[in-house]
Amino acid sequence: MGAEIEQAIIDGMYVGFNQGREVTTEDILLALARQVPLSLSQREAISFLRDWLREGRAQSASFEEVKQAEQAFVPLQLEI
């Protein structure tokens, strides 16, 4: 989430500076609204990695057991 916030600020700065003014909160909010979350744009890759973990082909760096990792997964909310 931190990377998305950072990018929204950078995008907002580009908008403001290209218009010859300082960045505003509105610039940042509009940049946030235009962002596509990684959970949507990379949904197949995330699903593939989760399956890989479940199959025992990878080890979680954050959790000792696969069950713990599965419980911590953030459900993908698809609004297509």
PDB file of N, CA and C in Angstrom:
ATOM      1  N   MET A   1       0.821  -1.195   0.000  1.00  0.00           N
ATOM      2  CA  MET A   1       0.000   0.000   0.000  1.00  0.00           C
ATOM      3  C   MET A   1       0.861   1.254   0.000  1.00  0.00           C
ATOM      4  N   GLY A   2       2.003   1.200   0.670  1.00  0.00           N
ATOM      5  CA  GLY A   2       2.872   2.371   0.737  1.00  0.00           C
ATOM      6  C   GLY A   2       3.360   2.814  -0.625  1.00  0.00           C
ATOM      7  N   ALA A   3       3.663   1.839  -1.496  1.00  0.00           N
ATOM      8  CA  ALA A   3       4.142   2.176  -2.840  1.00  0.00           C
ATOM      9  C   ALA A   3       3.054   2.873  -3.650  1.00  0.00           C
ATOM     10  N   GLU A   4       1.796   2.447  -3.465  1.00  0.00           N
ATOM     11  CA  GLU A   4       0.700   3.079  -4.188  1.00  0.00           C
ATOM     12  C   GLU A   4       0.495   4.517  -3.731  1.00  0.00           C
ATOM     13  N   ILE A   5       0.622   4.745  -2.431  1.00  0.00           N
ATOM     14  CA  ILE A   5       0.479   6.103  -1.908  1.00  0.00           C
ATOM     15  C   ILE A   5       1.610   6.983  -2.428  1.00  0.00           C
ATOM     16  N   GLU A   6       2.820   6.453  -2.393  1.00  0.00           N
ATOM     17  CA  GLU A   6       3.970   7.210  -2.900  1.00  0.00           C
ATOM     18  C   GLU A   6       3.771   7.574  -4.371  1.00  0.00           C
ATOM     19  N   GLN A   7       3.309   6.622  -5.164  1.00  0.00           N
ATOM     20  CA  GLN A   7       3.112   6.892  -6.581  1.00  0.00           C
ATOM     21  C   GLN A   7       2.009   7.912  -6.816  1.00  0.00           C
ATOM     22  N   ALA A   8       0.963   7.891  -6.000  1.00  0.00           N
ATOM     23  CA  ALA A   8      -0.117   8.874  -6.130  1.00  0.00           C
ATOM     24  C   ALA A   8       0.407  10.279  -5.864  1.00  0.00           C
ATOM     25  N   ILE A   9       1.292  10.410  -4.890  1.00  0.00           N
ATOM     26  CA  ILE A   9       1.874  11.724  -4.592  1.00  0.00           C
ATOM     27  C   ILE A   9       2.734  12.184  -5.758  1.00  0.00           C
ATOM     28  N   ILE A  10       3.532  11.286  -6.304  1.00  0.00           N
ATOM     29  CA  ILE A  10       4.377  11.636  -7.452  1.00  0.00           C
ATOM     30  C   ILE A  10       3.513  12.036  -8.651  1.00  0.00           C
ATOM     31  N   ASP A  11       2.462  11.242  -8.926  1.00  0.00           N
ATOM     32  CA  ASP A  11       1.561  11.567 -10.034  1.00  0.00           C
ATOM     33  C   ASP A  11       0.889  12.921  -9.818  1.00  0.00           C
ATOM     34  N   GLY A  12       0.442  13.170  -8.592  1.00  0.00           N
ATOM     35  CA  GLY A  12      -0.179  14.459  -8.270  1.00  0.00           C
ATOM     36  C   GLY A  12       0.794  15.609  -8.454  1.00  0.00           C
ATOM     37  N   MET A  13       2.051  15.402  -8.100  1.00  0.00           N
ATOM     38  CA  MET A  13       3.068  16.437  -8.280  1.00  0.00           C
ATOM     39  C   MET A  13       3.271  16.754  -9.762  1.00  0.00           C
ATOM     40  N   TYR A  14       3.303  15.710 -10.598  1.00  0.00           N
ATOM     41  CA  TYR A  14       3.436  15.944 -12.030  1.00  0.00           C
ATOM     42  C   TYR A  14       2.295  16.798 -12.560  1.00  0.00           C
ATOM     43  N   VAL A  15       1.091  16.481 -12.132  1.00  0.00           N
ATOM     44  CA  VAL A  15      -0.079  17.235 -12.597  1.00  0.00           C
ATOM     45  C   VAL A  15       0.037  18.701 -12.188  1.00  0.00           C
ATOM     46  N   GLY A  16       0.295  18.926 -10.913  1.00  0.00           N
ATOM     47  CA  GLY A  16       0.391  20.297 -10.425  1.00  0.00           C
ATOM     48  C   GLY A  16       1.523  21.072 -11.083  1.00  0.00           C
ATOM     49  N   PHE A  17       2.689  20.487 -11.130  1.00  0.00           N
ATOM     50  CA  PHE A  17       3.849  21.182 -11.668  1.00  0.00           C
ATOM     51  C   PHE A  17       3.713  21.422 -13.172  1.00  0.00           C
ATOM     52  N   ASN A  18       3.082  20.483 -13.886  1.00  0.00           N
ATOM     53  CA  ASN A  18       2.861  20.693 -15.321  1.00  0.00           C
ATOM     54  C   ASN A  18       1.900  21.846 -15.582  1.00  0.00           C
ATOM     55  N   GLN A  19       1.053  22.133 -14.605  1.00  0.00           N
ATOM     56  CA  GLN A  19       0.124  23.258 -14.729  1.00  0.00           C
ATOM     57  C   GLN A  19       0.708  24.529 -14.125  1.00  0.00           C
ATOM     58  N   GLY A  20       1.987  24.476 -13.746  1.00  0.00           N
ATOM     59  CA  GLY A  20       2.681  25.666 -13.237  1.00  0.00           C
ATOM     60  C   GLY A  20       2.256  26.072 -11.841  1.00  0.00           C
ATOM     61  N   ARG A  21       1.872  25.126 -11.019  1.00  0.00           N
ATOM     62  CA  ARG A  21       1.439  25.447  -9.657  1.00  0.00           C
ATOM     63  C   ARG A  21       1.914  24.362  -8.704  1.00  0.00           C
ATOM     64  N   GLU A  22       1.685  24.581  -7.432  1.00  0.00           N
ATOM     65  CA  GLU A  22       2.029  23.586  -6.415  1.00  0.00           C
ATOM     66  C   GLU A  22       1.010  22.442  -6.448  1.00  0.00           C
ATOM     67  N   VAL A  23       1.442  21.287  -5.995  1.00  0.00           N
ATOM     68  CA  VAL A  23       0.549  20.132  -5.909  1.00  0.00           C
ATOM     69  C   VAL A  23      -0.508  20.389  -4.845  1.00  0.00           C
ATOM     70  N   THR A  24      -1.711  19.889  -5.094  1.00  0.00           N
ATOM     71  CA  THR A  24      -2.795  20.043  -4.123  1.00  0.00           C
ATOM     72  C   THR A  24      -3.282  18.669  -3.661  1.00  0.00           C
ATOM     73  N   THR A  25      -4.042  18.669  -2.600  1.00  0.00           N
ATOM     74  CA  THR A  25      -4.648  17.432  -2.113  1.00  0.00           C
ATOM     75  C   THR A  25      -5.543  16.833  -3.188  1.00  0.00           C
ATOM     76  N   GLU A  26      -6.249  17.683  -3.920  1.00  0.00           N
ATOM     77  CA  GLU A  26      -7.129  17.192  -4.991  1.00  0.00           C
ATOM     78  C   GLU A  26      -6.335  16.455  -6.064  1.00  0.00           C
ATOM     79  N   ASP A  27      -5.136  16.956  -6.403  1.00  0.00           N
ATOM     80  CA  ASP A  27      -4.285  16.274  -7.382  1.00  0.00           C
ATOM     81  C   ASP A  27      -3.963  14.852  -6.918  1.00  0.00           C
ATOM     82  N   ILE A  28      -3.639  14.725  -5.641  1.00  0.00           N
ATOM     83  CA  ILE A  28      -3.281  13.423  -5.080  1.00  0.00           C
ATOM     84  C   ILE A  28      -4.498  12.508  -5.025  1.00  0.00           C
ATOM     85  N   LEU A  29      -5.643  13.047  -4.623  1.00  0.00           N
ATOM     86  CA  LEU A  29      -6.864  12.240  -4.567  1.00  0.00           C
ATOM     87  C   LEU A  29      -7.277  11.748  -5.948  1.00  0.00           C
ATOM     88  N   LEU A  30      -7.128  12.600  -6.954  1.00  0.00           N
ATOM     89  CA  LEU A  30      -7.455  12.175  -8.327  1.00  0.00           C
ATOM     90  C   LEU A  30      -6.489  11.093  -8.801  1.00  0.00           C
ATOM     91  N   ALA A  31      -5.220  11.212  -8.436  1.00  0.00           N
ATOM     92  CA  ALA A  31      -4.234  10.189  -8.798  1.00  0.00           C
ATOM     93  C   ALA A  31      -4.568   8.866  -8.118  1.00  0.00           C
ATOM     94  N   LEU A  32      -4.990   8.914  -6.861  1.00  0.00           N
ATOM     95  CA  LEU A  32      -5.390   7.697  -6.153  1.00  0.00           C
ATOM     96  C   LEU A  32      -6.597   7.045  -6.819  1.00  0.00           C
ATOM     97  N   ALA A  33      -7.543   7.850  -7.259  1.00  0.00           N
ATOM     98  CA  ALA A  33      -8.748   7.317  -7.902  1.00  0.00           C
ATOM     99  C   ALA A  33      -8.432   6.649  -9.234  1.00  0.00           C
ATOM    100  N   ARG A  34      -7.370   7.097  -9.910  1.00  0.00           N
ATOM    101  CA  ARG A  34      -6.999   6.522 -11.209  1.00  0.00           C
ATOM    102  C   ARG A  34      -6.194   5.238 -11.084  1.00  0.00           C
ATOM    103  N   GLN A  35      -5.681   4.954  -9.910  1.00  0.00           N
ATOM    104  CA  GLN A  35      -4.823   3.777  -9.734  1.00  0.00           C
ATOM    105  C   GLN A  35      -5.624   2.476  -9.828  1.00  0.00           C
ATOM    106  N   VAL A  36      -4.982   1.475 -10.413  1.00  0.00           N
ATOM    107  CA  VAL A  36      -5.548   0.124 -10.470  1.00  0.00           C
ATOM    108  C   VAL A  36      -4.765  -0.707  -9.459  1.00  0.00           C
ATOM    109  N   PRO A  37      -5.422  -1.243  -8.438  1.00  0.00           N
ATOM    110  CA  PRO A  37      -4.716  -2.026  -7.419  1.00  0.00           C
ATOM    111  C   PRO A  37      -4.021  -3.250  -8.016  1.00  0.00           C
ATOM    112  N   LEU A  38      -2.886  -3.607  -7.436  1.00  0.00           N
ATOM    113  CA  LEU A  38      -2.162  -4.796  -7.885  1.00  0.00           C
ATOM    114  C   LEU A  38      -3.021  -6.049  -7.772  1.00  0.00           C
ATOM    115  N   SER A  39      -3.930  -6.077  -6.798  1.00  0.00           N
ATOM    116  CA  SER A  39      -4.796  -7.245  -6.636  1.00  0.00           C
ATOM    117  C   SER A  39      -5.680  -7.451  -7.861  1.00  0.00           C
ATOM    118  N   LEU A  40      -5.882  -6.406  -8.658  1.00  0.00           N
ATOM    119  CA  LEU A  40      -6.652  -6.539  -9.898  1.00  0.00           C
ATOM    120  C   LEU A  40      -5.736  -6.695 -11.103  1.00  0.00           C
ATOM    121  N   SER A  41      -4.735  -5.842 -11.202  1.00  0.00           N
ATOM    122  CA  SER A  41      -3.880  -5.867 -12.389  1.00  0.00           C
ATOM    123  C   SER A  41      -2.969  -7.089 -12.428  1.00  0.00           C
ATOM    124  N   GLN A  42      -2.686  -7.673 -11.280  1.00  0.00           N
ATOM    125  CA  GLN A  42      -1.805  -8.838 -11.213  1.00  0.00           C
ATOM    126  C   GLN A  42      -2.509 -10.040 -10.579  1.00  0.00           C
ATOM    127  N   ARG A  43      -3.821 -10.116 -10.748  1.00  0.00           N
ATOM    128  CA  ARG A  43      -4.605 -11.140 -10.072  1.00  0.00           C
ATOM    129  C   ARG A  43      -4.147 -12.551 -10.416  1.00  0.00           C
ATOM    130  N   GLU A  44      -3.807 -12.809 -11.677  1.00  0.00           N
ATOM    131  CA  GLU A  44      -3.369 -14.155 -12.071  1.00  0.00           C
ATOM    132  C   GLU A  44      -2.048 -14.510 -11.409  1.00  0.00           C
ATOM    133  N   ALA A  45      -1.121 -13.555 -11.373  1.00  0.00           N
ATOM    134  CA  ALA A  45       0.190 -13.801 -10.764  1.00  0.00           C
ATOM    135  C   ALA A  45       0.053 -14.072  -9.264  1.00  0.00           C
ATOM    136  N   ILE A  46      -0.803 -13.327  -8.602  1.00  0.00           N
ATOM    137  CA  ILE A  46      -1.015 -13.524  -7.167  1.00  0.00           C
ATOM    138  C   ILE A  46      -1.642 -14.893  -6.913  1.00  0.00           C
ATOM    139  N   SER A  47      -2.620 -15.249  -7.712  1.00  0.00           N
ATOM    140  CA  SER A  47      -3.263 -16.557  -7.569  1.00  0.00           C
ATOM    141  C   SER A  47      -2.260 -17.681  -7.800  1.00  0.00           C
ATOM    142  N   PHE A  48      -1.419 -17.529  -8.805  1.00  0.00           N
ATOM    143  CA  PHE A  48      -0.392 -18.522  -9.109  1.00  0.00           C
ATOM    144  C   PHE A  48       0.557 -18.704  -7.920  1.00  0.00           C
ATOM    145  N   LEU A  49       1.002 -17.603  -7.331  1.00  0.00           N
ATOM    146  CA  LEU A  49       1.919 -17.682  -6.193  1.00  0.00           C
ATOM    147  C   LEU A  49       1.255 -18.317  -4.975  1.00  0.00           C
ATOM    148  N   ARG A  50      -0.008 -18.000  -4.745  1.00  0.00           N
ATOM    149  CA  ARG A  50      -0.726 -18.600  -3.621  1.00  0.00           C
ATOM    150  C   ARG A  50      -0.885 -20.111  -3.819  1.00  0.00           C
ATOM    151  N   ASP A  51      -1.193 -20.515  -5.050  1.00  0.00           N
ATOM    152  CA  ASP A  51      -1.298 -21.946  -5.355  1.00  0.00           C
ATOM    153  C   ASP A  51       0.038 -22.643  -5.157  1.00  0.00           C
ATOM    154  N   TRP A  52       1.090 -22.000  -5.564  1.00  0.00           N
ATOM    155  CA  TRP A  52       2.443 -22.545  -5.416  1.00  0.00           C
ATOM    156  C   TRP A  52       2.740 -22.804  -3.945  1.00  0.00           C
ATOM    157  N   LEU A  53       2.361 -21.860  -3.088  1.00  0.00           N
ATOM    158  CA  LEU A  53       2.570 -22.006  -1.644  1.00  0.00           C
ATOM    159  C   LEU A  53       1.742 -23.176  -1.111  1.00  0.00           C
ATOM    160  N   ARG A  54       0.464 -23.255  -1.508  1.00  0.00           N
ATOM    161  CA  ARG A  54      -0.412 -24.336  -1.047  1.00  0.00           C
ATOM    162  C   ARG A  54       0.119 -25.713  -1.452  1.00  0.00           C
ATOM    163  N   GLU A  55       0.733 -25.797  -2.624  1.00  0.00           N
ATOM    164  CA  GLU A  55       1.248 -27.063  -3.135  1.00  0.00           C
ATOM    165  C   GLU A  55       2.570 -27.451  -2.482  1.00  0.00           C
ATOM    166  N   GLY A  56       3.122 -26.569  -1.649  1.00  0.00           N
ATOM    167  CA  GLY A  56       4.377 -26.860  -0.981  1.00  0.00           C
ATOM    168  C   GLY A  56       5.603 -26.613  -1.844  1.00  0.00           C
ATOM    169  N   ARG A  57       5.436 -25.883  -2.930  1.00  0.00           N
ATOM    170  CA  ARG A  57       6.545 -25.605  -3.829  1.00  0.00           C
ATOM    171  C   ARG A  57       7.288 -24.328  -3.454  1.00  0.00           C
ATOM    172  N   ALA A  58       6.812 -23.674  -2.399  1.00  0.00           N
ATOM    173  CA  ALA A  58       7.458 -22.455  -1.906  1.00  0.00           C
ATOM    174  C   ALA A  58       7.268 -22.413  -0.400  1.00  0.00           C
ATOM    175  N   GLN A  59       8.054 -21.603   0.246  1.00  0.00           N
ATOM    176  CA  GLN A  59       7.947 -21.439   1.694  1.00  0.00           C
ATOM    177  C   GLN A  59       7.631 -19.978   1.985  1.00  0.00           C
ATOM    178  N   SER A  60       6.666 -19.772   2.838  1.00  0.00           N
ATOM    179  CA  SER A  60       6.292 -18.420   3.206  1.00  0.00           C
ATOM    180  C   SER A  60       7.389 -17.781   4.041  1.00  0.00           C
ATOM    181  N   ALA A  61       7.736 -16.554   3.703  1.00  0.00           N
ATOM    182  CA  ALA A  61       8.731 -15.819   4.476  1.00  0.00           C
ATOM    183  C   ALA A  61       8.104 -15.203   5.721  1.00  0.00           C
ATOM    184  N   SER A  62       6.783 -15.112   5.743  1.00  0.00           N
ATOM    185  CA  SER A  62       6.090 -14.447   6.848  1.00  0.00           C
ATOM    186  C   SER A  62       5.433 -15.405   7.835  1.00  0.00           C
ATOM    187  N   PHE A  63       5.138 -16.627   7.401  1.00  0.00           N
ATOM    188  CA  PHE A  63       4.395 -17.562   8.234  1.00  0.00           C
ATOM    189  C   PHE A  63       5.100 -18.912   8.287  1.00  0.00           C
ATOM    190  N   GLU A  64       4.993 -19.566   9.443  1.00  0.00           N
ATOM    191  CA  GLU A  64       5.621 -20.876   9.600  1.00  0.00           C
ATOM    192  C   GLU A  64       4.841 -21.969   8.899  1.00  0.00           C
ATOM    193  N   GLU A  65       3.524 -21.888   8.918  1.00  0.00           N
ATOM    194  CA  GLU A  65       2.680 -22.926   8.336  1.00  0.00           C
ATOM    195  C   GLU A  65       1.858 -22.354   7.183  1.00  0.00           C
ATOM    196  N   VAL A  66       1.586 -23.190   6.200  1.00  0.00           N
ATOM    197  CA  VAL A  66       0.780 -22.777   5.058  1.00  0.00           C
ATOM    198  C   VAL A  66      -0.598 -22.327   5.523  1.00  0.00           C
ATOM    199  N   LYS A  67      -1.156 -23.033   6.509  1.00  0.00           N
ATOM    200  CA  LYS A  67      -2.488 -22.686   7.017  1.00  0.00           C
ATOM    201  C   LYS A  67      -2.528 -21.242   7.540  1.00  0.00           C
ATOM    202  N   GLN A  68      -1.471 -20.834   8.254  1.00  0.00           N
ATOM    203  CA  GLN A  68      -1.399 -19.454   8.750  1.00  0.00           C
ATOM    204  C   GLN A  68      -1.389 -18.471   7.583  1.00  0.00           C
ATOM    205  N   ALA A  69      -0.628 -18.783   6.559  1.00  0.00           N
ATOM    206  CA  ALA A  69      -0.544 -17.905   5.395  1.00  0.00           C
ATOM    207  C   ALA A  69      -1.895 -17.791   4.707  1.00  0.00           C
ATOM    208  N   GLU A  70      -2.581 -18.928   4.540  1.00  0.00           N
ATOM    209  CA  GLU A  70      -3.884 -18.906   3.883  1.00  0.00           C
ATOM    210  C   GLU A  70      -4.890 -18.062   4.657  1.00  0.00           C
ATOM    211  N   GLN A  71      -4.838 -18.123   5.990  1.00  0.00           N
ATOM    212  CA  GLN A  71      -5.758 -17.337   6.809  1.00  0.00           C
ATOM    213  C   GLN A  71      -5.460 -15.843   6.713  1.00  0.00           C
ATOM    214  N   ALA A  72      -4.209 -15.498   6.418  1.00  0.00           N
ATOM    215  CA  ALA A  72      -3.818 -14.095   6.331  1.00  0.00           C
ATOM    216  C   ALA A  72      -4.008 -13.511   4.934  1.00  0.00           C
ATOM    217  N   PHE A  73      -4.301 -14.369   3.936  1.00  0.00           N
ATOM    218  CA  PHE A  73      -4.494 -13.873   2.578  1.00  0.00           C
ATOM    219  C   PHE A  73      -5.618 -12.848   2.563  1.00  0.00           C
ATOM    220  N   VAL A  74      -5.411 -11.799   1.836  1.00  0.00           N
ATOM    221  CA  VAL A  74      -6.456 -10.807   1.628  1.00  0.00           C
ATOM    222  C   VAL A  74      -7.292 -11.293   0.456  1.00  0.00           C
ATOM    223  N   PRO A  75      -8.587 -11.476   0.644  1.00  0.00           N
ATOM    224  CA  PRO A  75      -9.414 -11.970  -0.448  1.00  0.00           C
ATOM    225  C   PRO A  75      -9.386 -10.986  -1.621  1.00  0.00           C
ATOM    226  N   LEU A  76      -9.323 -11.529  -2.820  1.00  0.00           N
ATOM    227  CA  LEU A  76      -9.361 -10.688  -4.000  1.00  0.00           C
ATOM    228  C   LEU A  76     -10.797 -10.272  -4.254  1.00  0.00           C
ATOM    229  N   GLN A  77     -11.030  -8.985  -4.294  1.00  0.00           N
ATOM    230  CA  GLN A  77     -12.371  -8.471  -4.567  1.00  0.00           C
ATOM    231  C   GLN A  77     -12.379  -7.969  -5.992  1.00  0.00           C
ATOM    232  N   LEU A  78     -13.063  -8.701  -6.845  1.00  0.00           N
ATOM    233  CA  LEU A  78     -13.088  -8.356  -8.252  1.00  0.00           C
ATOM    234  C   LEU A  78     -14.365  -7.591  -8.581  1.00  0.00           C
ATOM    235  N   GLU A  79     -14.177  -6.410  -9.074  1.00  0.00           N
ATOM    236  CA  GLU A  79     -15.303  -5.576  -9.496  1.00  0.00           C
ATOM    237  C   GLU A  79     -15.122  -5.256 -10.962  1.00  0.00           C
ATOM    238  N   ILE A  80     -15.464  -6.232 -11.768  1.00  0.00           N
ATOM    239  CA  ILE A  80     -15.232  -6.081 -13.214  1.00  0.00           C
ATOM    240  C   ILE A  80     -16.541  -5.779 -13.910  1.00  0.00           C
TER     241      ILE A  80
END
